[in-house]
Amino acid sequence: MERIKEDRPITIKDDKGNLNRCIADVVSLFITVMDKLRLEIRAMDEIQPDLRELMETMHRMSHLPPDFEGRQTVSQWLQTLSGMSASDELDDSQVRQMLFDLESAYNAFNRFLHA
């Protein structure tokens, strides 16, 4: 049931042996999504795929605690985007909030790596 609540399919595998790759992917995806927002790429269908991949990659990292705040942040934004049509765009306020939330999650991820 927990996998369903977290929108995490059973086919996602653990990070066994691929921790460095997962870390690199998470960092890259955080930066990609934030850069898209800064470049005023706001359409749901342009943001959601990278955000979903970010969530799936974080779920593969068994070293990340289940209650890691970054997962919760990304999950909340995925829920917001899932309620939108593909052509719908985030407004200025949503973009600013999403950037703030993702920056905070990214910083938390970096703190976790250095702990």
PDB file of N, CA and C in Angstrom:
ATOM      1  N   MET A   1       0.820  -1.190   0.000  1.00  0.00           N
ATOM      2  CA  MET A   1       0.000   0.000   0.000  1.00  0.00           C
ATOM      3  C   MET A   1       0.867   1.258   0.000  1.00  0.00           C
ATOM      4  N   GLU A   2       1.987   1.202   0.696  1.00  0.00           N
ATOM      5  CA  GLU A   2       2.847   2.379   0.788  1.00  0.00           C
ATOM      6  C   GLU A   2       3.338   2.805  -0.597  1.00  0.00           C
ATOM      7  N   ARG A   3       3.679   1.844  -1.445  1.00  0.00           N
ATOM      8  CA  ARG A   3       4.125   2.162  -2.802  1.00  0.00           C
ATOM      9  C   ARG A   3       3.041   2.899  -3.580  1.00  0.00           C
ATOM     10  N   ILE A   4       1.807   2.479  -3.419  1.00  0.00           N
ATOM     11  CA  ILE A   4       0.694   3.110  -4.131  1.00  0.00           C
ATOM     12  C   ILE A   4       0.496   4.534  -3.635  1.00  0.00           C
ATOM     13  N   LYS A   5       0.538   4.727  -2.325  1.00  0.00           N
ATOM     14  CA  LYS A   5       0.375   6.071  -1.754  1.00  0.00           C
ATOM     15  C   LYS A   5       1.448   7.018  -2.260  1.00  0.00           C
ATOM     16  N   GLU A   6       2.662   6.518  -2.443  1.00  0.00           N
ATOM     17  CA  GLU A   6       3.784   7.343  -2.886  1.00  0.00           C
ATOM     18  C   GLU A   6       3.898   7.394  -4.402  1.00  0.00           C
ATOM     19  N   ASP A   7       2.928   6.784  -5.116  1.00  0.00           N
ATOM     20  CA  ASP A   7       2.953   6.758  -6.574  1.00  0.00           C
ATOM     21  C   ASP A   7       4.268   6.173  -7.080  1.00  0.00           C
ATOM     22  N   ARG A   8       4.643   5.028  -6.465  1.00  0.00           N
ATOM     23  CA  ARG A   8       5.911   4.373  -6.778  1.00  0.00           C
ATOM     24  C   ARG A   8       5.610   2.971  -7.292  1.00  0.00           C
ATOM     25  N   PRO A   9       5.753   2.751  -8.605  1.00  0.00           N
ATOM     26  CA  PRO A   9       5.459   1.424  -9.147  1.00  0.00           C
ATOM     27  C   PRO A   9       6.396   0.350  -8.613  1.00  0.00           C
ATOM     28  N   ILE A  10       5.914  -0.874  -8.599  1.00  0.00           N
ATOM     29  CA  ILE A  10       6.688  -1.993  -8.065  1.00  0.00           C
ATOM     30  C   ILE A  10       7.883  -2.325  -8.955  1.00  0.00           C
ATOM     31  N   THR A  11       7.861  -1.862 -10.200  1.00  0.00           N
ATOM     32  CA  THR A  11       8.956  -2.181 -11.119  1.00  0.00           C
ATOM     33  C   THR A  11      10.211  -1.360 -10.862  1.00  0.00           C
ATOM     34  N   ILE A  12      10.102  -0.319 -10.045  1.00  0.00           N
ATOM     35  CA  ILE A  12      11.293   0.477  -9.741  1.00  0.00           C
ATOM     36  C   ILE A  12      12.235  -0.360  -8.891  1.00  0.00           C
ATOM     37  N   LYS A  13      13.472  -0.429  -9.323  1.00  0.00           N
ATOM     38  CA  LYS A  13      14.454  -1.226  -8.595  1.00  0.00           C
ATOM     39  C   LYS A  13      15.247  -0.349  -7.649  1.00  0.00           C
ATOM     40  N   ASP A  14      15.865  -0.992  -6.709  1.00  0.00           N
ATOM     41  CA  ASP A  14      16.700  -0.300  -5.740  1.00  0.00           C
ATOM     42  C   ASP A  14      17.979   0.176  -6.423  1.00  0.00           C
ATOM     43  N   ASP A  15      18.770   0.951  -5.706  1.00  0.00           N
ATOM     44  CA  ASP A  15      19.980   1.543  -6.272  1.00  0.00           C
ATOM     45  C   ASP A  15      21.207   0.645  -6.171  1.00  0.00           C
ATOM     46  N   LYS A  16      21.059  -0.599  -5.809  1.00  0.00           N
ATOM     47  CA  LYS A  16      22.176  -1.491  -5.537  1.00  0.00           C
ATOM     48  C   LYS A  16      23.299  -1.329  -6.566  1.00  0.00           C
ATOM     49  N   GLY A  17      24.425  -0.820  -6.082  1.00  0.00           N
ATOM     50  CA  GLY A  17      25.579  -0.665  -6.948  1.00  0.00           C
ATOM     51  C   GLY A  17      25.553   0.569  -7.826  1.00  0.00           C
ATOM     52  N   ASN A  18      24.462   1.306  -7.803  1.00  0.00           N
ATOM     53  CA  ASN A  18      24.335   2.460  -8.680  1.00  0.00           C
ATOM     54  C   ASN A  18      24.126   3.758  -7.910  1.00  0.00           C
ATOM     55  N   LEU A  19      24.592   3.819  -6.681  1.00  0.00           N
ATOM     56  CA  LEU A  19      24.359   4.989  -5.842  1.00  0.00           C
ATOM     57  C   LEU A  19      24.909   6.259  -6.483  1.00  0.00           C
ATOM     58  N   ASN A  20      26.135   6.205  -6.986  1.00  0.00           N
ATOM     59  CA  ASN A  20      26.722   7.399  -7.601  1.00  0.00           C
ATOM     60  C   ASN A  20      25.914   7.870  -8.801  1.00  0.00           C
ATOM     61  N   ARG A  21      25.429   6.937  -9.576  1.00  0.00           N
ATOM     62  CA  ARG A  21      24.598   7.278 -10.743  1.00  0.00           C
ATOM     63  C   ARG A  21      23.297   7.929 -10.289  1.00  0.00           C
ATOM     64  N   CYS A  22      22.680   7.382  -9.247  1.00  0.00           N
ATOM     65  CA  CYS A  22      21.434   7.955  -8.724  1.00  0.00           C
ATOM     66  C   CYS A  22      21.661   9.375  -8.215  1.00  0.00           C
ATOM     67  N   ILE A  23      22.749   9.582  -7.496  1.00  0.00           N
ATOM     68  CA  ILE A  23      23.065  10.917  -6.973  1.00  0.00           C
ATOM     69  C   ILE A  23      23.232  11.896  -8.135  1.00  0.00           C
ATOM     70  N   ALA A  24      23.993  11.505  -9.141  1.00  0.00           N
ATOM     71  CA  ALA A  24      24.212  12.373 -10.306  1.00  0.00           C
ATOM     72  C   ALA A  24      22.895  12.677 -11.011  1.00  0.00           C
ATOM     73  N   ASP A  25      22.041  11.676 -11.144  1.00  0.00           N
ATOM     74  CA  ASP A  25      20.748  11.880 -11.804  1.00  0.00           C
ATOM     75  C   ASP A  25      19.850  12.818 -11.006  1.00  0.00           C
ATOM     76  N   VAL A  26      19.810  12.645  -9.686  1.00  0.00           N
ATOM     77  CA  VAL A  26      18.980  13.512  -8.843  1.00  0.00           C
ATOM     78  C   VAL A  26      19.450  14.958  -8.967  1.00  0.00           C
ATOM     79  N   VAL A  27      20.749  15.177  -8.858  1.00  0.00           N
ATOM     80  CA  VAL A  27      21.298  16.536  -8.973  1.00  0.00           C
ATOM     81  C   VAL A  27      20.958  17.125 -10.340  1.00  0.00           C
ATOM     82  N   SER A  28      21.186  16.363 -11.382  1.00  0.00           N
ATOM     83  CA  SER A  28      20.916  16.820 -12.743  1.00  0.00           C
ATOM     84  C   SER A  28      19.442  17.171 -12.941  1.00  0.00           C
ATOM     85  N   LEU A  29      18.553  16.344 -12.421  1.00  0.00           N
ATOM     86  CA  LEU A  29      17.120  16.583 -12.597  1.00  0.00           C
ATOM     87  C   LEU A  29      16.639  17.788 -11.796  1.00  0.00           C
ATOM     88  N   PHE A  30      17.144  17.960 -10.581  1.00  0.00           N
ATOM     89  CA  PHE A  30      16.808  19.169  -9.819  1.00  0.00           C
ATOM     90  C   PHE A  30      17.192  20.405 -10.635  1.00  0.00           C
ATOM     91  N   ILE A  31      18.424  20.413 -11.124  1.00  0.00           N
ATOM     92  CA  ILE A  31      18.929  21.569 -11.871  1.00  0.00           C
ATOM     93  C   ILE A  31      18.138  21.776 -13.161  1.00  0.00           C
ATOM     94  N   THR A  32      17.820  20.697 -13.862  1.00  0.00           N
ATOM     95  CA  THR A  32      17.065  20.792 -15.111  1.00  0.00           C
ATOM     96  C   THR A  32      15.701  21.434 -14.890  1.00  0.00           C
ATOM     97  N   VAL A  33      14.972  20.956 -13.891  1.00  0.00           N
ATOM     98  CA  VAL A  33      13.632  21.506 -13.638  1.00  0.00           C
ATOM     99  C   VAL A  33      13.730  22.973 -13.229  1.00  0.00           C
ATOM    100  N   MET A  34      14.664  23.301 -12.347  1.00  0.00           N
ATOM    101  CA  MET A  34      14.801  24.694 -11.915  1.00  0.00           C
ATOM    102  C   MET A  34      15.219  25.592 -13.084  1.00  0.00           C
ATOM    103  N   ASP A  35      16.109  25.112 -13.944  1.00  0.00           N
ATOM    104  CA  ASP A  35      16.516  25.898 -15.111  1.00  0.00           C
ATOM    105  C   ASP A  35      15.347  26.122 -16.067  1.00  0.00           C
ATOM    106  N   LYS A  36      14.533  25.100 -16.283  1.00  0.00           N
ATOM    107  CA  LYS A  36      13.358  25.260 -17.145  1.00  0.00           C
ATOM    108  C   LYS A  36      12.451  26.361 -16.610  1.00  0.00           C
ATOM    109  N   LEU A  37      12.210  26.344 -15.308  1.00  0.00           N
ATOM    110  CA  LEU A  37      11.349  27.365 -14.716  1.00  0.00           C
ATOM    111  C   LEU A  37      11.963  28.753 -14.873  1.00  0.00           C
ATOM    112  N   ARG A  38      13.260  28.865 -14.674  1.00  0.00           N
ATOM    113  CA  ARG A  38      13.941  30.161 -14.815  1.00  0.00           C
ATOM    114  C   ARG A  38      13.932  30.652 -16.263  1.00  0.00           C
ATOM    115  N   LEU A  39      13.881  29.727 -17.203  1.00  0.00           N
ATOM    116  CA  LEU A  39      13.812  30.078 -18.625  1.00  0.00           C
ATOM    117  C   LEU A  39      12.369  30.272 -19.091  1.00  0.00           C
ATOM    118  N   GLU A  40      11.461  30.323 -18.129  1.00  0.00           N
ATOM    119  CA  GLU A  40      10.032  30.536 -18.373  1.00  0.00           C
ATOM    120  C   GLU A  40       9.390  29.415 -19.183  1.00  0.00           C
ATOM    121  N   ILE A  41       9.890  28.216 -19.005  1.00  0.00           N
ATOM    122  CA  ILE A  41       9.235  27.023 -19.545  1.00  0.00           C
ATOM    123  C   ILE A  41       8.292  26.563 -18.446  1.00  0.00           C
ATOM    124  N   ARG A  42       6.990  26.767 -18.655  1.00  0.00           N
ATOM    125  CA  ARG A  42       6.017  26.604 -17.576  1.00  0.00           C
ATOM    126  C   ARG A  42       4.906  25.602 -17.862  1.00  0.00           C
ATOM    127  N   ALA A  43       4.832  25.089 -19.073  1.00  0.00           N
ATOM    128  CA  ALA A  43       3.734  24.186 -19.424  1.00  0.00           C
ATOM    129  C   ALA A  43       3.866  22.868 -18.667  1.00  0.00           C
ATOM    130  N   MET A  44       2.729  22.352 -18.262  1.00  0.00           N
ATOM    131  CA  MET A  44       2.703  21.104 -17.490  1.00  0.00           C
ATOM    132  C   MET A  44       3.454  19.996 -18.213  1.00  0.00           C
ATOM    133  N   ASP A  45       3.218  19.859 -19.526  1.00  0.00           N
ATOM    134  CA  ASP A  45       3.838  18.751 -20.262  1.00  0.00           C
ATOM    135  C   ASP A  45       5.339  18.935 -20.478  1.00  0.00           C
ATOM    136  N   GLU A  46       5.874  20.106 -20.151  1.00  0.00           N
ATOM    137  CA  GLU A  46       7.314  20.330 -20.266  1.00  0.00           C
ATOM    138  C   GLU A  46       8.029  20.180 -18.925  1.00  0.00           C
ATOM    139  N   ILE A  47       7.296  20.299 -17.839  1.00  0.00           N
ATOM    140  CA  ILE A  47       7.872  20.212 -16.491  1.00  0.00           C
ATOM    141  C   ILE A  47       7.655  18.832 -15.871  1.00  0.00           C
ATOM    142  N   GLN A  48       6.462  18.291 -16.030  1.00  0.00           N
ATOM    143  CA  GLN A  48       6.069  17.058 -15.340  1.00  0.00           C
ATOM    144  C   GLN A  48       6.962  15.851 -15.627  1.00  0.00           C
ATOM    145  N   PRO A  49       7.390  15.588 -16.874  1.00  0.00           N
ATOM    146  CA  PRO A  49       8.220  14.388 -17.103  1.00  0.00           C
ATOM    147  C   PRO A  49       9.530  14.396 -16.306  1.00  0.00           C
ATOM    148  N   ASP A  50      10.208  15.542 -16.261  1.00  0.00           N
ATOM    149  CA  ASP A  50      11.460  15.619 -15.499  1.00  0.00           C
ATOM    150  C   ASP A  50      11.204  15.519 -14.002  1.00  0.00           C
ATOM    151  N   LEU A  51      10.118  16.127 -13.548  1.00  0.00           N
ATOM    152  CA  LEU A  51       9.782  16.068 -12.129  1.00  0.00           C
ATOM    153  C   LEU A  51       9.437  14.632 -11.719  1.00  0.00           C
ATOM    154  N   ARG A  52       8.706  13.921 -12.576  1.00  0.00           N
ATOM    155  CA  ARG A  52       8.369  12.514 -12.300  1.00  0.00           C
ATOM    156  C   ARG A  52       9.638  11.663 -12.271  1.00  0.00           C
ATOM    157  N   GLU A  53      10.541  11.901 -13.202  1.00  0.00           N
ATOM    158  CA  GLU A  53      11.803  11.149 -13.224  1.00  0.00           C
ATOM    159  C   GLU A  53      12.623  11.432 -11.969  1.00  0.00           C
ATOM    160  N   LEU A  54      12.595  12.686 -11.514  1.00  0.00           N
ATOM    161  CA  LEU A  54      13.281  13.046 -10.270  1.00  0.00           C
ATOM    162  C   LEU A  54      12.712  12.239  -9.107  1.00  0.00           C
ATOM    163  N   MET A  55      11.391  12.164  -9.024  1.00  0.00           N
ATOM    164  CA  MET A  55      10.745  11.409  -7.945  1.00  0.00           C
ATOM    165  C   MET A  55      11.126   9.931  -8.022  1.00  0.00           C
ATOM    166  N   GLU A  56      11.068   9.358  -9.205  1.00  0.00           N
ATOM    167  CA  GLU A  56      11.395   7.939  -9.368  1.00  0.00           C
ATOM    168  C   GLU A  56      12.855   7.657  -9.012  1.00  0.00           C
ATOM    169  N   THR A  57      13.739   8.559  -9.365  1.00  0.00           N
ATOM    170  CA  THR A  57      15.159   8.379  -9.052  1.00  0.00           C
ATOM    171  C   THR A  57      15.387   8.465  -7.550  1.00  0.00           C
ATOM    172  N   MET A  58      14.716   9.395  -6.881  1.00  0.00           N
ATOM    173  CA  MET A  58      14.852   9.484  -5.421  1.00  0.00           C
ATOM    174  C   MET A  58      14.312   8.223  -4.752  1.00  0.00           C
ATOM    175  N   HIS A  59      13.250   7.645  -5.300  1.00  0.00           N
ATOM    176  CA  HIS A  59      12.700   6.410  -4.727  1.00  0.00           C
ATOM    177  C   HIS A  59      13.667   5.236  -4.879  1.00  0.00           C
ATOM    178  N   ARG A  60      14.494   5.266  -5.909  1.00  0.00           N
ATOM    179  CA  ARG A  60      15.471   4.186  -6.104  1.00  0.00           C
ATOM    180  C   ARG A  60      16.621   4.259  -5.115  1.00  0.00           C
ATOM    181  N   MET A  61      16.817   5.400  -4.502  1.00  0.00           N
ATOM    182  CA  MET A  61      17.926   5.569  -3.554  1.00  0.00           C
ATOM    183  C   MET A  61      17.520   5.053  -2.178  1.00  0.00           C
ATOM    184  N   SER A  62      17.924   3.837  -1.866  1.00  0.00           N
ATOM    185  CA  SER A  62      17.556   3.247  -0.574  1.00  0.00           C
ATOM    186  C   SER A  62      18.226   3.977   0.585  1.00  0.00           C
ATOM    187  N   HIS A  63      19.292   4.708   0.313  1.00  0.00           N
ATOM    188  CA  HIS A  63      19.991   5.446   1.369  1.00  0.00           C
ATOM    189  C   HIS A  63      19.205   6.672   1.830  1.00  0.00           C
ATOM    190  N   LEU A  64      18.316   7.162   0.993  1.00  0.00           N
ATOM    191  CA  LEU A  64      17.517   8.336   1.326  1.00  0.00           C
ATOM    192  C   LEU A  64      16.414   7.929   2.296  1.00  0.00           C
ATOM    193  N   PRO A  65      16.256   8.627   3.418  1.00  0.00           N
ATOM    194  CA  PRO A  65      15.211   8.252   4.372  1.00  0.00           C
ATOM    195  C   PRO A  65      13.824   8.368   3.732  1.00  0.00           C
ATOM    196  N   PRO A  66      12.903   7.507   4.115  1.00  0.00           N
ATOM    197  CA  PRO A  66      11.557   7.534   3.521  1.00  0.00           C
ATOM    198  C   PRO A  66      10.845   8.871   3.727  1.00  0.00           C
ATOM    199  N   ASP A  67      11.183   9.569   4.815  1.00  0.00           N
ATOM    200  CA  ASP A  67      10.515  10.841   5.105  1.00  0.00           C
ATOM    201  C   ASP A  67      11.332  12.046   4.632  1.00  0.00           C
ATOM    202  N   PHE A  68      12.262  11.827   3.715  1.00  0.00           N
ATOM    203  CA  PHE A  68      13.089  12.919   3.199  1.00  0.00           C
ATOM    204  C   PHE A  68      12.196  14.015   2.634  1.00  0.00           C
ATOM    205  N   GLU A  69      12.430  15.255   3.072  1.00  0.00           N
ATOM    206  CA  GLU A  69      11.551  16.367   2.702  1.00  0.00           C
ATOM    207  C   GLU A  69      11.497  16.615   1.199  1.00  0.00           C
ATOM    208  N   GLY A  70      12.570  16.314   0.497  1.00  0.00           N
ATOM    209  CA  GLY A  70      12.584  16.510  -0.950  1.00  0.00           C
ATOM    210  C   GLY A  70      11.577  15.636  -1.665  1.00  0.00           C
ATOM    211  N   ARG A  71      11.395  14.427  -1.189  1.00  0.00           N
ATOM    212  CA  ARG A  71      10.388  13.536  -1.782  1.00  0.00           C
ATOM    213  C   ARG A  71       8.999  14.121  -1.615  1.00  0.00           C
ATOM    214  N   GLN A  72       8.735  14.626  -0.427  1.00  0.00           N
ATOM    215  CA  GLN A  72       7.417  15.200  -0.148  1.00  0.00           C
ATOM    216  C   GLN A  72       7.166  16.420  -1.026  1.00  0.00           C
ATOM    217  N   THR A  73       8.176  17.255  -1.177  1.00  0.00           N
ATOM    218  CA  THR A  73       8.051  18.456  -2.005  1.00  0.00           C
ATOM    219  C   THR A  73       7.759  18.091  -3.455  1.00  0.00           C
ATOM    220  N   VAL A  74       8.550  17.190  -4.011  1.00  0.00           N
ATOM    221  CA  VAL A  74       8.370  16.788  -5.406  1.00  0.00           C
ATOM    222  C   VAL A  74       7.015  16.111  -5.585  1.00  0.00           C
ATOM    223  N   SER A  75       6.622  15.290  -4.635  1.00  0.00           N
ATOM    224  CA  SER A  75       5.329  14.615  -4.704  1.00  0.00           C
ATOM    225  C   SER A  75       4.175  15.614  -4.720  1.00  0.00           C
ATOM    226  N   GLN A  76       4.255  16.637  -3.887  1.00  0.00           N
ATOM    227  CA  GLN A  76       3.196  17.653  -3.851  1.00  0.00           C
ATOM    228  C   GLN A  76       3.099  18.391  -5.185  1.00  0.00           C
ATOM    229  N   TRP A  77       4.231  18.711  -5.777  1.00  0.00           N
ATOM    230  CA  TRP A  77       4.198  19.403  -7.065  1.00  0.00           C
ATOM    231  C   TRP A  77       3.717  18.477  -8.182  1.00  0.00           C
ATOM    232  N   LEU A  78       4.042  17.202  -8.100  1.00  0.00           N
ATOM    233  CA  LEU A  78       3.512  16.256  -9.094  1.00  0.00           C
ATOM    234  C   LEU A  78       1.991  16.179  -8.996  1.00  0.00           C
ATOM    235  N   GLN A  79       1.470  16.209  -7.774  1.00  0.00           N
ATOM    236  CA  GLN A  79       0.016  16.206  -7.594  1.00  0.00           C
ATOM    237  C   GLN A  79      -0.606  17.456  -8.198  1.00  0.00           C
ATOM    238  N   THR A  80       0.031  18.594  -7.979  1.00  0.00           N
ATOM    239  CA  THR A  80      -0.469  19.847  -8.557  1.00  0.00           C
ATOM    240  C   THR A  80      -0.493  19.760 -10.078  1.00  0.00           C
ATOM    241  N   LEU A  81       0.604  19.289 -10.658  1.00  0.00           N
ATOM    242  CA  LEU A  81       0.694  19.201 -12.116  1.00  0.00           C
ATOM    243  C   LEU A  81      -0.271  18.169 -12.690  1.00  0.00           C
ATOM    244  N   SER A  82      -0.526  17.102 -11.948  1.00  0.00           N
ATOM    245  CA  SER A  82      -1.427  16.064 -12.464  1.00  0.00           C
ATOM    246  C   SER A  82      -2.864  16.566 -12.578  1.00  0.00           C
ATOM    247  N   GLY A  83      -3.189  17.633 -11.866  1.00  0.00           N
ATOM    248  CA  GLY A  83      -4.521  18.225 -11.966  1.00  0.00           C
ATOM    249  C   GLY A  83      -4.648  19.217 -13.108  1.00  0.00           C
ATOM    250  N   MET A  84      -3.595  19.372 -13.885  1.00  0.00           N
ATOM    251  CA  MET A  84      -3.585  20.338 -14.984  1.00  0.00           C
ATOM    252  C   MET A  84      -3.637  19.619 -16.327  1.00  0.00           C
ATOM    253  N   SER A  85      -4.103  20.329 -17.347  1.00  0.00           N
ATOM    254  CA  SER A  85      -4.037  19.815 -18.718  1.00  0.00           C
ATOM    255  C   SER A  85      -2.614  19.990 -19.234  1.00  0.00           C
ATOM    256  N   ALA A  86      -2.270  19.251 -20.266  1.00  0.00           N
ATOM    257  CA  ALA A  86      -0.907  19.298 -20.804  1.00  0.00           C
ATOM    258  C   ALA A  86      -0.500  20.708 -21.218  1.00  0.00           C
ATOM    259  N   SER A  87      -1.417  21.474 -21.759  1.00  0.00           N
ATOM    260  CA  SER A  87      -1.080  22.819 -22.244  1.00  0.00           C
ATOM    261  C   SER A  87      -1.180  23.894 -21.165  1.00  0.00           C
ATOM    262  N   ASP A  88      -1.695  23.544 -19.987  1.00  0.00           N
ATOM    263  CA  ASP A  88      -1.787  24.518 -18.892  1.00  0.00           C
ATOM    264  C   ASP A  88      -0.390  24.922 -18.448  1.00  0.00           C
ATOM    265  N   GLU A  89      -0.268  26.190 -18.057  1.00  0.00           N
ATOM    266  CA  GLU A  89       1.019  26.700 -17.592  1.00  0.00           C
ATOM    267  C   GLU A  89       0.922  27.160 -16.150  1.00  0.00           C
ATOM    268  N   LEU A  90       2.031  27.041 -15.444  1.00  0.00           N
ATOM    269  CA  LEU A  90       2.120  27.567 -14.087  1.00  0.00           C
ATOM    270  C   LEU A  90       2.122  29.090 -14.163  1.00  0.00           C
ATOM    271  N   ASP A  91       1.442  29.739 -13.218  1.00  0.00           N
ATOM    272  CA  ASP A  91       1.471  31.202 -13.202  1.00  0.00           C
ATOM    273  C   ASP A  91       2.724  31.687 -12.465  1.00  0.00           C
ATOM    274  N   ASP A  92       2.942  33.008 -12.455  1.00  0.00           N
ATOM    275  CA  ASP A  92       4.154  33.571 -11.847  1.00  0.00           C
ATOM    276  C   ASP A  92       4.321  33.154 -10.391  1.00  0.00           C
ATOM    277  N   SER A  93       3.225  33.184  -9.647  1.00  0.00           N
ATOM    278  CA  SER A  93       3.268  32.822  -8.230  1.00  0.00           C
ATOM    279  C   SER A  93       3.650  31.351  -8.047  1.00  0.00           C
ATOM    280  N   GLN A  94       3.068  30.483  -8.859  1.00  0.00           N
ATOM    281  CA  GLN A  94       3.380  29.054  -8.776  1.00  0.00           C
ATOM    282  C   GLN A  94       4.839  28.789  -9.146  1.00  0.00           C
ATOM    283  N   VAL A  95       5.325  29.471 -10.171  1.00  0.00           N
ATOM    284  CA  VAL A  95       6.721  29.291 -10.586  1.00  0.00           C
ATOM    285  C   VAL A  95       7.654  29.710  -9.458  1.00  0.00           C
ATOM    286  N   ARG A  96       7.360  30.862  -8.873  1.00  0.00           N
ATOM    287  CA  ARG A  96       8.212  31.350  -7.781  1.00  0.00           C
ATOM    288  C   ARG A  96       8.200  30.376  -6.608  1.00  0.00           C
ATOM    289  N   GLN A  97       7.008  29.860  -6.251  1.00  0.00           N
ATOM    290  CA  GLN A  97       6.898  28.921  -5.138  1.00  0.00           C
ATOM    291  C   GLN A  97       7.595  27.601  -5.459  1.00  0.00           C
ATOM    292  N   MET A  98       7.411  27.122  -6.693  1.00  0.00           N
ATOM    293  CA  MET A  98       8.039  25.857  -7.078  1.00  0.00           C
ATOM    294  C   MET A  98       9.557  25.986  -7.057  1.00  0.00           C
ATOM    295  N   LEU A  99      10.078  27.100  -7.547  1.00  0.00           N
ATOM    296  CA  LEU A  99      11.526  27.323  -7.493  1.00  0.00           C
ATOM    297  C   LEU A  99      12.024  27.334  -6.053  1.00  0.00           C
ATOM    298  N   PHE A 100      11.306  28.027  -5.189  1.00  0.00           N
ATOM    299  CA  PHE A 100      11.690  28.077  -3.779  1.00  0.00           C
ATOM    300  C   PHE A 100      11.674  26.673  -3.170  1.00  0.00           C
ATOM    301  N   ASP A 101      10.597  25.928  -3.426  1.00  0.00           N
ATOM    302  CA  ASP A 101      10.463  24.576  -2.875  1.00  0.00           C
ATOM    303  C   ASP A 101      11.558  23.646  -3.395  1.00  0.00           C
ATOM    304  N   LEU A 102      11.835  23.717  -4.693  1.00  0.00           N
ATOM    305  CA  LEU A 102      12.859  22.843  -5.275  1.00  0.00           C
ATOM    306  C   LEU A 102      14.261  23.225  -4.813  1.00  0.00           C
ATOM    307  N   GLU A 103      14.522  24.526  -4.664  1.00  0.00           N
ATOM    308  CA  GLU A 103      15.820  24.964  -4.119  1.00  0.00           C
ATOM    309  C   GLU A 103      16.001  24.422  -2.705  1.00  0.00           C
ATOM    310  N   SER A 104      14.942  24.501  -1.909  1.00  0.00           N
ATOM    311  CA  SER A 104      14.999  23.989  -0.533  1.00  0.00           C
ATOM    312  C   SER A 104      15.239  22.485  -0.523  1.00  0.00           C
ATOM    313  N   ALA A 105      14.538  21.761  -1.396  1.00  0.00           N
ATOM    314  CA  ALA A 105      14.698  20.308  -1.478  1.00  0.00           C
ATOM    315  C   ALA A 105      16.101  19.945  -1.960  1.00  0.00           C
ATOM    316  N   TYR A 106      16.598  20.689  -2.934  1.00  0.00           N
ATOM    317  CA  TYR A 106      17.948  20.462  -3.461  1.00  0.00           C
ATOM    318  C   TYR A 106      18.992  20.696  -2.372  1.00  0.00           C
ATOM    319  N   ASN A 107      18.825  21.763  -1.610  1.00  0.00           N
ATOM    320  CA  ASN A 107      19.748  22.043  -0.507  1.00  0.00           C
ATOM    321  C   ASN A 107      19.674  20.957   0.563  1.00  0.00           C
ATOM    322  N   ALA A 108      18.478  20.456   0.839  1.00  0.00           N
ATOM    323  CA  ALA A 108      18.320  19.364   1.806  1.00  0.00           C
ATOM    324  C   ALA A 108      19.020  18.102   1.297  1.00  0.00           C
ATOM    325  N   PHE A 109      18.920  17.846  -0.002  1.00  0.00           N
ATOM    326  CA  PHE A 109      19.585  16.690  -0.597  1.00  0.00           C
ATOM    327  C   PHE A 109      21.103  16.818  -0.442  1.00  0.00           C
ATOM    328  N   ASN A 110      21.628  18.007  -0.703  1.00  0.00           N
ATOM    329  CA  ASN A 110      23.071  18.233  -0.536  1.00  0.00           C
ATOM    330  C   ASN A 110      23.499  18.077   0.916  1.00  0.00           C
ATOM    331  N   ARG A 111      22.687  18.571   1.843  1.00  0.00           N
ATOM    332  CA  ARG A 111      23.006  18.390   3.271  1.00  0.00           C
ATOM    333  C   ARG A 111      23.019  16.908   3.621  1.00  0.00           C
ATOM    334  N   PHE A 112      22.070  16.152   3.086  1.00  0.00           N
ATOM    335  CA  PHE A 112      22.019  14.712   3.331  1.00  0.00           C
ATOM    336  C   PHE A 112      23.299  14.041   2.827  1.00  0.00           C
ATOM    337  N   LEU A 113      23.762  14.444   1.654  1.00  0.00           N
ATOM    338  CA  LEU A 113      24.971  13.845   1.080  1.00  0.00           C
ATOM    339  C   LEU A 113      26.210  14.141   1.909  1.00  0.00           C
ATOM    340  N   HIS A 114      26.238  15.291   2.558  1.00  0.00           N
ATOM    341  CA  HIS A 114      27.406  15.694   3.337  1.00  0.00           C
ATOM    342  C   HIS A 114      27.313  15.299   4.803  1.00  0.00           C
ATOM    343  N   ALA A 115      26.219  14.669   5.186  1.00  0.00           N
ATOM    344  CA  ALA A 115      26.047  14.272   6.600  1.00  0.00           C
ATOM    345  C   ALA A 115      26.847  13.024   6.908  1.00  0.00           C
TER     346      ALA A 115
END
